[in-house]
Amino acid sequence: MKEKRLHGVVLLLAGVLLAAAHTADLLLWTETETGFALSGSVWVRYVVWLAALLLPYLPARWAAAQPAALRDRNPALGVCMVLTGVLLVLSGALTFPAAQLVTQFPGLFVSYSPLAAWADVITPVLGGLWLAAYGARAFAGFGIRRERLGSPVLAVVLPLCMLWRLVWRFQFVPASLQRLPCTLRVLSAAAALLFAVVLLKVFLVPGYACGHTLFAAGAGCFLLCTGLELPQTLYEAANGMLTTPDLLTGLGLGGFGLCGLVCAWAAGGADATEQEE
């Protein structure tokens, strides 16, 4: 059996470099209030962001088909999942008063329906609870050998949470492509949705050969959600531009990106099928 770390260190360094570059871009070459690019082409930025989402699929074919590190216990993944889950639950809970207000006075919020308001409450709470519960399983152990398989009915709440976040962000994308933060958040939500779907396989069908897509989706989620959106969230929070629920959501997606890093690192490690040979 070969111990391999398929570009795991390179992936981590790429995330750090993206975070540093994006922070510099925010501080020096982007208008704080509007998000307009003050210098350089927006298309160069978009190419970099899309590359961060799509390029991990190229080296993914060399990832472990069945990552040995994800067959039973993985405390690092458990920590990241529980942290993400807590942040998402808090973001949904703090949106509850706004949902009540919209329900009581729907005429005052023409562009924000009660259905959307309650979706902002329910989806992150349910998705966060799922992440926290299965993060605990990642500590204690899971899988076929322990006869601890997940429920596919309950698992739908995680991709549903990320799908709603994608839809919610997409409706606020401005007509002008010069405004960068909104487009970045759409891409990071798409990356989180892709990873959420693959992450379910780790807990619902242990032993399933999903390591290739797990590496690609996990790496893309880390680069977009942690390497790019997290600095954006912290920068806007420092400038008083975010509500507390939006801040917690951004931090939660940053934590979800760390889950992607752990999974991509595991997929670049030992293959369980090689251990059995």
Protein backbone atom coordinates (compact mmCIF):
# COMPACT_ATOMS: atom_id res chain seq x y z
CA MET A 1 0.00 0.00 0.00
CA LYS A 2 1.30 3.41 -0.96
CA GLU A 3 0.90 6.39 1.29
CA LYS A 4 0.11 9.29 -0.98
CA ARG A 5 -0.98 12.81 -0.30
CA LEU A 6 -2.33 13.87 -3.65
CA HIS A 7 -1.39 17.51 -3.73
CA GLY A 8 -2.78 17.95 -0.22
CA VAL A 9 -0.08 20.40 0.77
CA VAL A 10 -0.39 22.13 -2.61
CA LEU A 11 -4.13 22.50 -2.05
CA LEU A 12 -3.59 24.01 1.40
CA LEU A 13 -1.00 26.44 0.03
CA ALA A 14 -3.30 27.36 -2.86
CA GLY A 15 -6.03 28.22 -0.36
CA VAL A 16 -3.67 30.40 1.67
CA LEU A 17 -2.45 32.17 -1.47
CA LEU A 18 -5.98 32.75 -2.70
CA ALA A 19 -6.96 34.20 0.68
CA ALA A 20 -3.94 36.51 0.70
CA ALA A 21 -4.50 37.63 -2.89
CA HIS A 22 -8.21 38.23 -2.37
CA THR A 23 -7.58 40.19 0.82
CA ALA A 24 -5.10 42.39 -1.03
CA ASP A 25 -7.61 42.83 -3.83
CA LEU A 26 -10.28 43.93 -1.36
CA LEU A 27 -7.97 46.37 0.38
CA LEU A 28 -6.29 47.89 -2.65
CA TRP A 29 -8.24 47.38 -5.86
CA THR A 30 -11.94 47.06 -4.94
CA GLU A 31 -14.47 49.70 -3.90
CA THR A 32 -15.62 48.76 -0.41
CA GLU A 33 -19.22 49.96 -0.54
CA THR A 34 -20.18 48.87 -4.06
CA GLY A 35 -17.81 45.99 -4.78
CA PHE A 36 -16.70 47.53 -8.08
CA ALA A 37 -13.23 46.70 -9.32
CA LEU A 38 -11.10 49.85 -9.20
CA SER A 39 -8.18 48.33 -11.05
CA GLY A 40 -7.68 45.38 -13.34
CA SER A 41 -10.18 43.35 -15.31
CA VAL A 42 -13.03 41.59 -13.56
CA TRP A 43 -12.63 38.74 -16.04
CA VAL A 44 -9.18 37.94 -14.70
CA ARG A 45 -10.74 37.50 -11.27
CA TYR A 46 -13.55 35.37 -12.66
CA VAL A 47 -11.10 33.12 -14.48
CA VAL A 48 -9.19 32.56 -11.24
CA TRP A 49 -12.37 31.81 -9.29
CA LEU A 50 -13.70 29.40 -11.91
CA ALA A 51 -10.32 27.72 -12.08
CA ALA A 52 -10.44 27.19 -8.31
CA LEU A 53 -13.82 25.50 -8.74
CA LEU A 54 -13.07 23.36 -11.81
CA LEU A 55 -9.34 22.60 -11.95
CA PRO A 56 -9.38 20.18 -8.97
CA TYR A 57 -11.29 17.75 -11.19
CA LEU A 58 -8.13 17.22 -13.27
CA PRO A 59 -5.88 15.67 -10.59
CA ALA A 60 -8.89 13.99 -8.93
CA ARG A 61 -8.43 10.88 -11.05
CA TRP A 62 -5.33 10.05 -8.99
CA ALA A 63 -7.21 10.26 -5.70
CA ALA A 64 -8.01 7.17 -3.64
CA ALA A 65 -11.24 5.56 -4.82
CA GLN A 66 -12.13 4.60 -1.24
CA PRO A 67 -10.24 6.88 1.19
CA ALA A 68 -9.07 4.76 4.11
CA ALA A 69 -9.15 7.78 6.44
CA LEU A 70 -12.91 8.12 5.94
CA ARG A 71 -13.98 4.54 6.60
CA ASP A 72 -14.54 4.87 10.33
CA ARG A 73 -13.26 7.68 12.58
CA ASN A 74 -11.94 11.05 11.46
CA PRO A 75 -11.73 13.57 14.34
CA ALA A 76 -10.52 16.40 12.09
CA LEU A 77 -13.61 16.09 9.92
CA GLY A 78 -15.75 15.84 13.05
CA VAL A 79 -14.40 19.12 14.44
CA CYS A 80 -15.00 20.97 11.17
CA MET A 81 -18.51 19.57 10.75
CA VAL A 82 -19.58 20.38 14.30
CA LEU A 83 -18.15 23.91 14.02
CA THR A 84 -19.94 24.47 10.73
CA GLY A 85 -23.16 23.04 12.10
CA VAL A 86 -23.15 25.31 15.16
CA LEU A 87 -22.56 28.40 13.02
CA LEU A 88 -25.36 27.52 10.61
CA VAL A 89 -27.82 26.77 13.41
CA LEU A 90 -27.03 30.11 15.04
CA SER A 91 -27.46 31.97 11.73
CA GLY A 92 -30.89 30.39 11.24
CA ALA A 93 -31.97 30.98 14.82
CA LEU A 94 -31.06 34.67 14.67
CA THR A 95 -33.18 35.06 11.53
CA PHE A 96 -36.29 33.92 13.42
CA PRO A 97 -37.40 37.43 14.55
CA ALA A 98 -37.18 38.69 10.96
CA ALA A 99 -39.29 35.78 9.74
CA GLN A 100 -41.91 36.55 12.39
CA LEU A 101 -41.99 40.21 11.34
CA VAL A 102 -42.39 39.34 7.65
CA THR A 103 -45.20 36.92 8.51
CA GLN A 104 -47.05 39.53 10.57
CA PHE A 105 -46.63 42.37 8.05
CA PRO A 106 -46.20 40.82 4.59
CA GLY A 107 -47.28 44.00 2.86
CA LEU A 108 -44.21 45.83 4.11
CA PHE A 109 -41.82 43.33 2.50
CA VAL A 110 -42.86 43.05 -1.12
CA SER A 111 -39.64 41.43 -2.32
CA TYR A 112 -39.25 39.13 0.70
CA SER A 113 -42.08 36.64 1.06
CA PRO A 114 -42.89 34.80 4.31
CA LEU A 115 -41.98 31.53 2.57
CA ALA A 116 -38.49 32.82 1.81
CA ALA A 117 -38.16 34.24 5.31
CA TRP A 118 -38.96 30.91 6.96
CA ALA A 119 -36.69 29.08 4.52
CA ASP A 120 -33.89 31.34 5.79
CA VAL A 121 -34.65 30.03 9.27
CA ILE A 122 -35.40 26.36 8.68
CA THR A 123 -32.81 25.32 6.10
CA PRO A 124 -29.67 26.43 7.99
CA VAL A 125 -31.01 25.09 11.28
CA LEU A 126 -31.76 21.65 9.84
CA GLY A 127 -28.57 21.56 7.77
CA GLY A 128 -26.53 22.66 10.77
CA LEU A 129 -28.10 20.04 13.02
CA TRP A 130 -27.29 17.34 10.48
CA LEU A 131 -23.68 18.48 10.27
CA ALA A 132 -23.33 18.59 14.05
CA ALA A 133 -24.90 15.14 14.49
CA TYR A 134 -22.79 13.48 11.84
CA GLY A 135 -19.73 15.39 12.98
CA ALA A 136 -20.21 13.61 16.31
CA ARG A 137 -20.36 10.33 14.38
CA ALA A 138 -17.06 11.19 12.75
CA PHE A 139 -15.60 11.32 16.27
CA ALA A 140 -17.21 8.11 17.51
CA GLY A 141 -16.98 6.06 14.34
CA PHE A 142 -19.42 5.16 11.61
CA GLY A 143 -19.80 2.85 8.66
CA ILE A 144 -20.64 -0.72 7.80
CA ARG A 145 -18.42 -2.39 10.37
CA ARG A 146 -20.12 -0.49 13.18
CA GLU A 147 -23.54 -0.87 11.52
CA ARG A 148 -24.07 2.87 11.81
CA LEU A 149 -25.40 3.97 8.45
CA GLY A 150 -27.04 7.34 7.99
CA SER A 151 -30.66 8.06 7.08
CA PRO A 152 -31.08 9.14 3.45
CA VAL A 153 -34.37 10.87 4.28
CA LEU A 154 -32.80 13.14 6.90
CA ALA A 155 -29.66 13.70 4.83
CA VAL A 156 -31.56 15.71 2.23
CA VAL A 157 -31.53 18.72 4.57
CA LEU A 158 -27.82 19.40 3.94
CA PRO A 159 -27.93 19.83 0.13
CA LEU A 160 -31.28 21.58 0.54
CA CYS A 161 -29.62 24.11 2.87
CA MET A 162 -26.85 24.78 0.36
CA LEU A 163 -29.28 24.85 -2.57
CA TRP A 164 -31.41 27.48 -0.83
CA ARG A 165 -28.31 29.52 -0.07
CA LEU A 166 -27.38 29.35 -3.78
CA VAL A 167 -30.88 30.42 -4.88
CA TRP A 168 -31.00 33.17 -2.27
CA ARG A 169 -27.67 34.58 -3.39
CA PHE A 170 -28.40 34.24 -7.09
CA GLN A 171 -31.46 36.47 -6.87
CA PHE A 172 -29.29 39.28 -5.51
CA VAL A 173 -26.65 39.16 -8.24
CA PRO A 174 -26.61 42.65 -9.79
CA ALA A 175 -26.89 43.28 -13.51
CA SER A 176 -23.37 44.70 -13.59
CA LEU A 177 -20.60 42.11 -13.69
CA GLN A 178 -18.28 44.75 -12.26
CA ARG A 179 -19.65 44.09 -8.75
CA LEU A 180 -17.52 41.24 -7.52
CA PRO A 181 -18.71 40.10 -4.04
CA CYS A 182 -22.18 38.94 -5.16
CA THR A 183 -20.79 36.80 -7.97
CA LEU A 184 -18.17 35.31 -5.67
CA ARG A 185 -20.84 34.30 -3.18
CA VAL A 186 -22.86 32.57 -5.90
CA LEU A 187 -19.81 30.55 -6.94
CA SER A 188 -18.95 29.62 -3.37
CA ALA A 189 -22.53 28.50 -2.72
CA ALA A 190 -22.38 26.36 -5.86
CA ALA A 191 -19.11 24.82 -4.64
CA ALA A 192 -20.68 24.14 -1.23
CA LEU A 193 -23.68 22.45 -2.88
CA LEU A 194 -21.47 20.19 -4.99
CA PHE A 195 -19.45 19.15 -1.95
CA ALA A 196 -22.54 18.63 0.21
CA VAL A 197 -23.93 16.09 -2.26
CA VAL A 198 -20.67 14.12 -2.29
CA LEU A 199 -20.18 14.35 1.48
CA LEU A 200 -23.45 12.50 2.00
CA LYS A 201 -21.96 9.43 0.34
CA VAL A 202 -19.27 9.22 3.02
CA PHE A 203 -21.89 8.63 5.71
CA LEU A 204 -24.77 7.06 3.79
CA VAL A 205 -22.86 4.55 1.65
CA PRO A 206 -19.51 3.87 3.39
CA GLY A 207 -17.12 2.05 1.12
CA TYR A 208 -18.62 3.57 -2.01
CA ALA A 209 -15.91 4.54 -4.49
CA CYS A 210 -16.43 8.30 -4.40
CA GLY A 211 -12.88 9.42 -3.62
CA HIS A 212 -12.31 11.07 -7.00
CA THR A 213 -15.33 13.34 -6.84
CA LEU A 214 -14.79 13.82 -3.11
CA PHE A 215 -11.32 15.23 -3.77
CA ALA A 216 -12.51 17.52 -6.56
CA ALA A 217 -15.63 18.81 -4.81
CA GLY A 218 -13.87 19.11 -1.45
CA ALA A 219 -10.95 21.02 -2.94
CA GLY A 220 -13.26 23.37 -4.84
CA CYS A 221 -15.30 24.02 -1.71
CA PHE A 222 -12.17 24.77 0.31
CA LEU A 223 -10.74 27.15 -2.27
CA LEU A 224 -14.01 29.03 -2.87
CA CYS A 225 -15.63 29.01 0.58
CA THR A 226 -12.56 29.24 2.80
CA GLY A 227 -9.90 30.71 0.54
CA LEU A 228 -12.11 33.38 -1.03
CA GLU A 229 -15.45 33.89 0.74
CA LEU A 230 -14.10 33.76 4.28
CA PRO A 231 -11.73 36.75 3.75
CA GLN A 232 -14.60 38.56 2.01
CA THR A 233 -16.86 37.91 5.01
CA LEU A 234 -14.28 39.07 7.54
CA TYR A 235 -13.50 42.18 5.50
CA GLU A 236 -17.15 43.19 5.17
CA ALA A 237 -17.80 42.44 8.85
CA ALA A 238 -14.88 44.68 9.82
CA ASN A 239 -16.48 47.47 7.77
CA GLY A 240 -19.90 47.01 9.37
CA MET A 241 -21.54 45.77 6.18
CA LEU A 242 -23.04 42.48 7.43
CA THR A 243 -25.87 41.53 9.73
CA THR A 244 -25.08 38.92 12.36
CA PRO A 245 -26.91 36.09 10.50
CA ASP A 246 -25.01 36.91 7.29
CA LEU A 247 -21.73 36.95 9.22
CA LEU A 248 -22.47 33.56 10.78
CA THR A 249 -23.47 32.14 7.38
CA GLY A 250 -20.20 33.31 5.84
CA LEU A 251 -18.23 31.86 8.73
CA GLY A 252 -20.23 28.64 8.45
CA LEU A 253 -19.42 28.26 4.78
CA GLY A 254 -15.80 28.95 5.61
CA GLY A 255 -15.95 26.09 8.09
CA PHE A 256 -17.64 23.91 5.48
CA GLY A 257 -14.70 24.61 3.21
CA LEU A 258 -12.43 23.21 5.91
CA CYS A 259 -14.54 20.03 5.80
CA GLY A 260 -13.73 19.97 2.09
CA LEU A 261 -10.03 20.30 2.82
CA VAL A 262 -10.10 17.38 5.27
CA CYS A 263 -11.96 15.19 2.78
CA ALA A 264 -9.67 16.15 -0.09
CA TRP A 265 -6.64 15.42 2.10
CA ALA A 266 -8.10 12.02 2.99
CA ALA A 267 -8.86 11.27 -0.64
CA GLY A 268 -5.23 12.01 -1.43
CA GLY A 269 -4.10 9.48 1.17
CA ALA A 270 -4.24 5.71 1.44
CA ASP A 271 -6.82 3.72 -0.50
CA ALA A 272 -8.87 1.23 1.51
CA THR A 273 -8.93 -1.17 -1.44
CA GLU A 274 -5.12 -1.30 -1.40
CA GLN A 275 -5.17 -2.07 2.32
CA GLU A 276 -7.39 -5.09 1.71
CA GLU A 277 -5.13 -6.55 -0.98
